[in-house]
Amino acid sequence: MANDTSHVKLPVLIKITRLAVRMMDDDNFIFASKFLRDEICGLLRPEKARGQADGDKLIKFEYLQEKSKEHNVRIEIFSQ
């Protein structure tokens, strides 16, 4: 994973899409994505401590799921 996020300008919308054979309960999926959220926000806001940067109002999240034969995660970042 590249750590240079200097080209990403806030505010942003980050979509985390879980690809899997079966759908996961929404609240479990959001909880399971906490590590991803912390890491992404930490990269976007390196001046903040990991686990605290995700409280930034300039970073919004959307959680989606799609059925797939393989397990994977797609992360998309959109400028707002």
PDB file of N, CA and C in Angstrom:
ATOM      1  N   MET A   1       0.848  -1.170   0.000  1.00  0.00           N
ATOM      2  CA  MET A   1       0.000   0.000   0.000  1.00  0.00           C
ATOM      3  C   MET A   1       0.892   1.231   0.000  1.00  0.00           C
ATOM      4  N   ALA A   2       0.587   2.151  -0.889  1.00  0.00           N
ATOM      5  CA  ALA A   2       1.341   3.402  -0.963  1.00  0.00           C
ATOM      6  C   ALA A   2       0.943   4.304   0.194  1.00  0.00           C
ATOM      7  N   ASN A   3       1.928   4.975   0.784  1.00  0.00           N
ATOM      8  CA  ASN A   3       1.650   5.841   1.926  1.00  0.00           C
ATOM      9  C   ASN A   3       1.577   7.316   1.564  1.00  0.00           C
ATOM     10  N   ASP A   4       1.819   7.679   0.311  1.00  0.00           N
ATOM     11  CA  ASP A   4       1.781   9.079  -0.086  1.00  0.00           C
ATOM     12  C   ASP A   4       0.350   9.482  -0.416  1.00  0.00           C
ATOM     13  N   THR A   5      -0.264  10.185   0.505  1.00  0.00           N
ATOM     14  CA  THR A   5      -1.638  10.649   0.303  1.00  0.00           C
ATOM     15  C   THR A   5      -1.684  12.161   0.152  1.00  0.00           C
ATOM     16  N   SER A   6      -0.540  12.775  -0.152  1.00  0.00           N
ATOM     17  CA  SER A   6      -0.476  14.235  -0.253  1.00  0.00           C
ATOM     18  C   SER A   6      -1.351  14.777  -1.382  1.00  0.00           C
ATOM     19  N   HIS A   7      -1.640  13.957  -2.371  1.00  0.00           N
ATOM     20  CA  HIS A   7      -2.475  14.397  -3.492  1.00  0.00           C
ATOM     21  C   HIS A   7      -3.968  14.346  -3.169  1.00  0.00           C
ATOM     22  N   VAL A   8      -4.353  13.739  -2.064  1.00  0.00           N
ATOM     23  CA  VAL A   8      -5.762  13.640  -1.674  1.00  0.00           C
ATOM     24  C   VAL A   8      -6.140  14.898  -0.898  1.00  0.00           C
ATOM     25  N   LYS A   9      -7.103  15.631  -1.413  1.00  0.00           N
ATOM     26  CA  LYS A   9      -7.543  16.874  -0.781  1.00  0.00           C
ATOM     27  C   LYS A   9      -8.869  16.645  -0.060  1.00  0.00           C
ATOM     28  N   LEU A  10      -8.915  17.060   1.169  1.00  0.00           N
ATOM     29  CA  LEU A  10     -10.138  16.943   1.972  1.00  0.00           C
ATOM     30  C   LEU A  10     -11.083  18.080   1.611  1.00  0.00           C
ATOM     31  N   PRO A  11     -12.372  17.876   1.730  1.00  0.00           N
ATOM     32  CA  PRO A  11     -13.119  16.724   2.268  1.00  0.00           C
ATOM     33  C   PRO A  11     -13.224  15.593   1.244  1.00  0.00           C
ATOM     34  N   VAL A  12     -13.420  14.378   1.777  1.00  0.00           N
ATOM     35  CA  VAL A  12     -13.551  13.196   0.930  1.00  0.00           C
ATOM     36  C   VAL A  12     -14.683  12.295   1.426  1.00  0.00           C
ATOM     37  N   LEU A  13     -15.183  11.490   0.496  1.00  0.00           N
ATOM     38  CA  LEU A  13     -16.099  10.403   0.810  1.00  0.00           C
ATOM     39  C   LEU A  13     -15.344   9.120   0.501  1.00  0.00           C
ATOM     40  N   ILE A  14     -15.291   8.220   1.461  1.00  0.00           N
ATOM     41  CA  ILE A  14     -14.602   6.943   1.277  1.00  0.00           C
ATOM     42  C   ILE A  14     -15.646   5.834   1.294  1.00  0.00           C
ATOM     43  N   LYS A  15     -15.686   5.082   0.210  1.00  0.00           N
ATOM     44  CA  LYS A  15     -16.596   3.942   0.119  1.00  0.00           C
ATOM     45  C   LYS A  15     -15.805   2.669   0.348  1.00  0.00           C
ATOM     46  N   ILE A  16     -16.238   1.911   1.334  1.00  0.00           N
ATOM     47  CA  ILE A  16     -15.649   0.601   1.612  1.00  0.00           C
ATOM     48  C   ILE A  16     -16.678  -0.438   1.198  1.00  0.00           C
ATOM     49  N   THR A  17     -16.327  -1.239   0.205  1.00  0.00           N
ATOM     50  CA  THR A  17     -17.242  -2.256  -0.302  1.00  0.00           C
ATOM     51  C   THR A  17     -16.680  -3.634  -0.002  1.00  0.00           C
ATOM     52  N   ARG A  18     -17.457  -4.428   0.701  1.00  0.00           N
ATOM     53  CA  ARG A  18     -17.090  -5.809   1.012  1.00  0.00           C
ATOM     54  C   ARG A  18     -17.641  -6.696  -0.079  1.00  0.00           C
ATOM     55  N   LEU A  19     -16.786  -7.507  -0.669  1.00  0.00           N
ATOM     56  CA  LEU A  19     -17.175  -8.475  -1.690  1.00  0.00           C
ATOM     57  C   LEU A  19     -17.077  -9.862  -1.070  1.00  0.00           C
ATOM     58  N   ALA A  20     -18.181 -10.601  -1.082  1.00  0.00           N
ATOM     59  CA  ALA A  20     -18.173 -11.916  -0.440  1.00  0.00           C
ATOM     60  C   ALA A  20     -19.339 -12.765  -0.939  1.00  0.00           C
ATOM     61  N   VAL A  21     -19.250 -14.054  -0.647  1.00  0.00           N
ATOM     62  CA  VAL A  21     -20.284 -14.998  -1.053  1.00  0.00           C
ATOM     63  C   VAL A  21     -21.605 -14.680  -0.353  1.00  0.00           C
ATOM     64  N   ARG A  22     -21.511 -14.367   0.929  1.00  0.00           N
ATOM     65  CA  ARG A  22     -22.714 -14.052   1.714  1.00  0.00           C
ATOM     66  C   ARG A  22     -22.637 -12.639   2.263  1.00  0.00           C
ATOM     67  N   MET A  23     -23.780 -12.034   2.444  1.00  0.00           N
ATOM     68  CA  MET A  23     -23.847 -10.696   3.016  1.00  0.00           C
ATOM     69  C   MET A  23     -23.661 -10.790   4.530  1.00  0.00           C
ATOM     70  N   MET A  24     -23.062  -9.770   5.090  1.00  0.00           N
ATOM     71  CA  MET A  24     -22.838  -9.690   6.526  1.00  0.00           C
ATOM     72  C   MET A  24     -23.852  -8.692   7.103  1.00  0.00           C
ATOM     73  N   ASP A  25     -24.278  -8.921   8.310  1.00  0.00           N
ATOM     74  CA  ASP A  25     -25.144  -7.982   9.014  1.00  0.00           C
ATOM     75  C   ASP A  25     -24.475  -6.603   8.996  1.00  0.00           C
ATOM     76  N   ASP A  26     -25.248  -5.544   8.706  1.00  0.00           N
ATOM     77  CA  ASP A  26     -24.684  -4.194   8.533  1.00  0.00           C
ATOM     78  C   ASP A  26     -23.817  -3.735   9.698  1.00  0.00           C
ATOM     79  N   ASP A  27     -24.315  -3.867  10.936  1.00  0.00           N
ATOM     80  CA  ASP A  27     -23.534  -3.363  12.059  1.00  0.00           C
ATOM     81  C   ASP A  27     -22.261  -4.183  12.277  1.00  0.00           C
ATOM     82  N   ASN A  28     -22.308  -5.478  11.984  1.00  0.00           N
ATOM     83  CA  ASN A  28     -21.094  -6.300  12.084  1.00  0.00           C
ATOM     84  C   ASN A  28     -20.079  -5.905  11.019  1.00  0.00           C
ATOM     85  N   PHE A  29     -20.563  -5.590   9.825  1.00  0.00           N
ATOM     86  CA  PHE A  29     -19.667  -5.181   8.743  1.00  0.00           C
ATOM     87  C   PHE A  29     -18.974  -3.863   9.093  1.00  0.00           C
ATOM     88  N   ILE A  30     -19.717  -2.917   9.616  1.00  0.00           N
ATOM     89  CA  ILE A  30     -19.118  -1.633   9.995  1.00  0.00           C
ATOM     90  C   ILE A  30     -18.081  -1.844  11.101  1.00  0.00           C
ATOM     91  N   PHE A  31     -18.410  -2.651  12.092  1.00  0.00           N
ATOM     92  CA  PHE A  31     -17.462  -2.945  13.172  1.00  0.00           C
ATOM     93  C   PHE A  31     -16.216  -3.646  12.629  1.00  0.00           C
ATOM     94  N   ALA A  32     -16.412  -4.599  11.721  1.00  0.00           N
ATOM     95  CA  ALA A  32     -15.284  -5.336  11.142  1.00  0.00           C
ATOM     96  C   ALA A  32     -14.393  -4.443  10.281  1.00  0.00           C
ATOM     97  N   SER A  33     -14.931  -3.317   9.819  1.00  0.00           N
ATOM     98  CA  SER A  33     -14.175  -2.386   8.974  1.00  0.00           C
ATOM     99  C   SER A  33     -13.442  -1.320   9.771  1.00  0.00           C
ATOM    100  N   LYS A  34     -13.523  -1.358  11.084  1.00  0.00           N
ATOM    101  CA  LYS A  34     -12.914  -0.329  11.933  1.00  0.00           C
ATOM    102  C   LYS A  34     -11.413  -0.200  11.701  1.00  0.00           C
ATOM    103  N   PHE A  35     -10.714  -1.302  11.560  1.00  0.00           N
ATOM    104  CA  PHE A  35      -9.273  -1.249  11.316  1.00  0.00           C
ATOM    105  C   PHE A  35      -8.972  -0.526  10.007  1.00  0.00           C
ATOM    106  N   LEU A  36      -9.722  -0.860   8.952  1.00  0.00           N
ATOM    107  CA  LEU A  36      -9.537  -0.172   7.667  1.00  0.00           C
ATOM    108  C   LEU A  36      -9.773   1.325   7.807  1.00  0.00           C
ATOM    109  N   ARG A  37     -10.851   1.668   8.471  1.00  0.00           N
ATOM    110  CA  ARG A  37     -11.197   3.078   8.671  1.00  0.00           C
ATOM    111  C   ARG A  37     -10.080   3.816   9.414  1.00  0.00           C
ATOM    112  N   ASP A  38      -9.582   3.229  10.484  1.00  0.00           N
ATOM    113  CA  ASP A  38      -8.503   3.856  11.257  1.00  0.00           C
ATOM    114  C   ASP A  38      -7.246   4.050  10.412  1.00  0.00           C
ATOM    115  N   GLU A  39      -6.885   3.035   9.640  1.00  0.00           N
ATOM    116  CA  GLU A  39      -5.679   3.120   8.821  1.00  0.00           C
ATOM    117  C   GLU A  39      -5.819   4.152   7.705  1.00  0.00           C
ATOM    118  N   ILE A  40      -6.955   4.162   7.038  1.00  0.00           N
ATOM    119  CA  ILE A  40      -7.180   5.131   5.956  1.00  0.00           C
ATOM    120  C   ILE A  40      -7.124   6.550   6.503  1.00  0.00           C
ATOM    121  N   CYS A  41      -7.819   6.789   7.596  1.00  0.00           N
ATOM    122  CA  CYS A  41      -7.832   8.134   8.190  1.00  0.00           C
ATOM    123  C   CYS A  41      -6.453   8.516   8.707  1.00  0.00           C
ATOM    124  N   GLY A  42      -5.722   7.563   9.238  1.00  0.00           N
ATOM    125  CA  GLY A  42      -4.372   7.836   9.695  1.00  0.00           C
ATOM    126  C   GLY A  42      -3.455   8.249   8.557  1.00  0.00           C
ATOM    127  N   LEU A  43      -3.661   7.673   7.382  1.00  0.00           N
ATOM    128  CA  LEU A  43      -2.869   8.058   6.216  1.00  0.00           C
ATOM    129  C   LEU A  43      -3.267   9.442   5.707  1.00  0.00           C
ATOM    130  N   LEU A  44      -4.564   9.742   5.776  1.00  0.00           N
ATOM    131  CA  LEU A  44      -5.044  11.045   5.296  1.00  0.00           C
ATOM    132  C   LEU A  44      -4.747  12.174   6.281  1.00  0.00           C
ATOM    133  N   ARG A  45      -4.685  11.844   7.559  1.00  0.00           N
ATOM    134  CA  ARG A  45      -4.420  12.842   8.604  1.00  0.00           C
ATOM    135  C   ARG A  45      -3.270  12.359   9.480  1.00  0.00           C
ATOM    136  N   PRO A  46      -2.043  12.332   8.943  1.00  0.00           N
ATOM    137  CA  PRO A  46      -0.907  11.771   9.691  1.00  0.00           C
ATOM    138  C   PRO A  46      -0.553  12.551  10.961  1.00  0.00           C
ATOM    139  N   GLU A  47      -1.017  13.792  11.066  1.00  0.00           N
ATOM    140  CA  GLU A  47      -0.729  14.576  12.267  1.00  0.00           C
ATOM    141  C   GLU A  47      -1.563  14.120  13.472  1.00  0.00           C
ATOM    142  N   LYS A  48      -2.593  13.315  13.210  1.00  0.00           N
ATOM    143  CA  LYS A  48      -3.430  12.792  14.291  1.00  0.00           C
ATOM    144  C   LYS A  48      -3.027  11.354  14.597  1.00  0.00           C
ATOM    145  N   ALA A  49      -3.246  10.954  15.835  1.00  0.00           N
ATOM    146  CA  ALA A  49      -2.907   9.591  16.256  1.00  0.00           C
ATOM    147  C   ALA A  49      -3.842   8.582  15.591  1.00  0.00           C
ATOM    148  N   ARG A  50      -3.310   7.396  15.289  1.00  0.00           N
ATOM    149  CA  ARG A  50      -4.144   6.326  14.735  1.00  0.00           C
ATOM    150  C   ARG A  50      -5.300   6.065  15.695  1.00  0.00           C
ATOM    151  N   GLY A  51      -6.472   5.901  15.126  1.00  0.00           N
ATOM    152  CA  GLY A  51      -7.653   5.666  15.949  1.00  0.00           C
ATOM    153  C   GLY A  51      -8.356   6.947  16.349  1.00  0.00           C
ATOM    154  N   GLN A  52      -7.737   8.106  16.159  1.00  0.00           N
ATOM    155  CA  GLN A  52      -8.379   9.391  16.473  1.00  0.00           C
ATOM    156  C   GLN A  52      -8.701  10.179  15.204  1.00  0.00           C
ATOM    157  N   ALA A  53      -7.987   9.892  14.139  1.00  0.00           N
ATOM    158  CA  ALA A  53      -8.166  10.632  12.893  1.00  0.00           C
ATOM    159  C   ALA A  53      -9.525  10.368  12.254  1.00  0.00           C
ATOM    160  N   ASP A  54     -10.168   9.244  12.580  1.00  0.00           N
ATOM    161  CA  ASP A  54     -11.446   8.928  11.948  1.00  0.00           C
ATOM    162  C   ASP A  54     -12.598   9.779  12.465  1.00  0.00           C
ATOM    163  N   GLY A  55     -12.350  10.612  13.446  1.00  0.00           N
ATOM    164  CA  GLY A  55     -13.374  11.529  13.932  1.00  0.00           C
ATOM    165  C   GLY A  55     -13.419  12.836  13.163  1.00  0.00           C
ATOM    166  N   ASP A  56     -12.540  12.980  12.174  1.00  0.00           N
ATOM    167  CA  ASP A  56     -12.460  14.207  11.384  1.00  0.00           C
ATOM    168  C   ASP A  56     -13.731  14.377  10.555  1.00  0.00           C
ATOM    169  N   LYS A  57     -14.364  15.521  10.654  1.00  0.00           N
ATOM    170  CA  LYS A  57     -15.621  15.801   9.940  1.00  0.00           C
ATOM    171  C   LYS A  57     -15.414  15.930   8.433  1.00  0.00           C
ATOM    172  N   LEU A  58     -14.164  16.055   7.987  1.00  0.00           N
ATOM    173  CA  LEU A  58     -13.874  16.186   6.557  1.00  0.00           C
ATOM    174  C   LEU A  58     -13.755  14.830   5.859  1.00  0.00           C
ATOM    175  N   ILE A  59     -13.862  13.762   6.633  1.00  0.00           N
ATOM    176  CA  ILE A  59     -13.765  12.405   6.084  1.00  0.00           C
ATOM    177  C   ILE A  59     -15.066  11.664   6.396  1.00  0.00           C
ATOM    178  N   LYS A  60     -15.817  11.360   5.347  1.00  0.00           N
ATOM    179  CA  LYS A  60     -17.089  10.637   5.497  1.00  0.00           C
ATOM    180  C   LYS A  60     -16.947   9.238   4.937  1.00  0.00           C
ATOM    181  N   PHE A  61     -17.699   8.304   5.494  1.00  0.00           N
ATOM    182  CA  PHE A  61     -17.633   6.910   5.062  1.00  0.00           C
ATOM    183  C   PHE A  61     -18.994   6.410   4.606  1.00  0.00           C
ATOM    184  N   GLU A  62     -18.942   5.512   3.635  1.00  0.00           N
ATOM    185  CA  GLU A  62     -20.121   4.790   3.173  1.00  0.00           C
ATOM    186  C   GLU A  62     -19.716   3.315   3.100  1.00  0.00           C
ATOM    187  N   TYR A  63     -20.572   2.444   3.615  1.00  0.00           N
ATOM    188  CA  TYR A  63     -20.277   1.013   3.665  1.00  0.00           C
ATOM    189  C   TYR A  63     -21.245   0.272   2.751  1.00  0.00           C
ATOM    190  N   LEU A  64     -20.695  -0.519   1.841  1.00  0.00           N
ATOM    191  CA  LEU A  64     -21.498  -1.256   0.873  1.00  0.00           C
ATOM    192  C   LEU A  64     -21.063  -2.714   0.863  1.00  0.00           C
ATOM    193  N   GLN A  65     -21.957  -3.574   0.359  1.00  0.00           N
ATOM    194  CA  GLN A  65     -21.623  -4.985   0.193  1.00  0.00           C
ATOM    195  C   GLN A  65     -22.121  -5.459  -1.157  1.00  0.00           C
ATOM    196  N   GLU A  66     -21.360  -6.349  -1.765  1.00  0.00           N
ATOM    197  CA  GLU A  66     -21.748  -6.959  -3.028  1.00  0.00           C
ATOM    198  C   GLU A  66     -21.460  -8.450  -2.949  1.00  0.00           C
ATOM    199  N   LYS A  67     -22.336  -9.226  -3.546  1.00  0.00           N
ATOM    200  CA  LYS A  67     -22.084 -10.666  -3.611  1.00  0.00           C
ATOM    201  C   LYS A  67     -21.004 -10.932  -4.651  1.00  0.00           C
ATOM    202  N   SER A  68     -20.128 -11.871  -4.311  1.00  0.00           N
ATOM    203  CA  SER A  68     -19.018 -12.222  -5.175  1.00  0.00           C
ATOM    204  C   SER A  68     -18.593 -13.653  -4.877  1.00  0.00           C
ATOM    205  N   LYS A  69     -17.989 -14.303  -5.848  1.00  0.00           N
ATOM    206  CA  LYS A  69     -17.492 -15.664  -5.626  1.00  0.00           C
ATOM    207  C   LYS A  69     -16.207 -15.653  -4.812  1.00  0.00           C
ATOM    208  N   GLU A  70     -15.529 -14.514  -4.774  1.00  0.00           N
ATOM    209  CA  GLU A  70     -14.289 -14.371  -4.016  1.00  0.00           C
ATOM    210  C   GLU A  70     -14.449 -13.292  -2.958  1.00  0.00           C
ATOM    211  N   HIS A  71     -13.711 -13.434  -1.865  1.00  0.00           N
ATOM    212  CA  HIS A  71     -13.726 -12.436  -0.796  1.00  0.00           C
ATOM    213  C   HIS A  71     -12.702 -11.356  -1.118  1.00  0.00           C
ATOM    214  N   ASN A  72     -13.139 -10.100  -1.008  1.00  0.00           N
ATOM    215  CA  ASN A  72     -12.250  -8.980  -1.300  1.00  0.00           C
ATOM    216  C   ASN A  72     -12.853  -7.708  -0.717  1.00  0.00           C
ATOM    217  N   VAL A  73     -12.091  -6.644  -0.749  1.00  0.00           N
ATOM    218  CA  VAL A  73     -12.570  -5.334  -0.308  1.00  0.00           C
ATOM    219  C   VAL A  73     -12.167  -4.315  -1.362  1.00  0.00           C
ATOM    220  N   ARG A  74     -13.097  -3.439  -1.709  1.00  0.00           N
ATOM    221  CA  ARG A  74     -12.797  -2.343  -2.635  1.00  0.00           C
ATOM    222  C   ARG A  74     -12.893  -1.038  -1.860  1.00  0.00           C
ATOM    223  N   ILE A  75     -11.871  -0.205  -1.951  1.00  0.00           N
ATOM    224  CA  ILE A  75     -11.853   1.080  -1.286  1.00  0.00           C
ATOM    225  C   ILE A  75     -11.778   2.161  -2.352  1.00  0.00           C
ATOM    226  N   GLU A  76     -12.742   3.073  -2.329  1.00  0.00           N
ATOM    227  CA  GLU A  76     -12.782   4.176  -3.284  1.00  0.00           C
ATOM    228  C   GLU A  76     -12.792   5.496  -2.504  1.00  0.00           C
ATOM    229  N   ILE A  77     -12.028   6.458  -2.984  1.00  0.00           N
ATOM    230  CA  ILE A  77     -11.953   7.758  -2.334  1.00  0.00           C
ATOM    231  C   ILE A  77     -12.391   8.811  -3.340  1.00  0.00           C
ATOM    232  N   PHE A  78     -13.418   9.593  -2.961  1.00  0.00           N
ATOM    233  CA  PHE A  78     -13.974  10.629  -3.830  1.00  0.00           C
ATOM    234  C   PHE A  78     -13.809  11.998  -3.182  1.00  0.00           C
ATOM    235  N   SER A  79     -13.300  12.942  -3.948  1.00  0.00           N
ATOM    236  CA  SER A  79     -13.235  14.325  -3.475  1.00  0.00           C
ATOM    237  C   SER A  79     -14.640  14.886  -3.431  1.00  0.00           C
ATOM    238  N   GLN A  80     -14.897  15.767  -2.483  1.00  0.00           N
ATOM    239  CA  GLN A  80     -16.229  16.368  -2.392  1.00  0.00           C
ATOM    240  C   GLN A  80     -16.145  17.848  -2.576  1.00  0.00           C
TER     241      GLN A  80
END
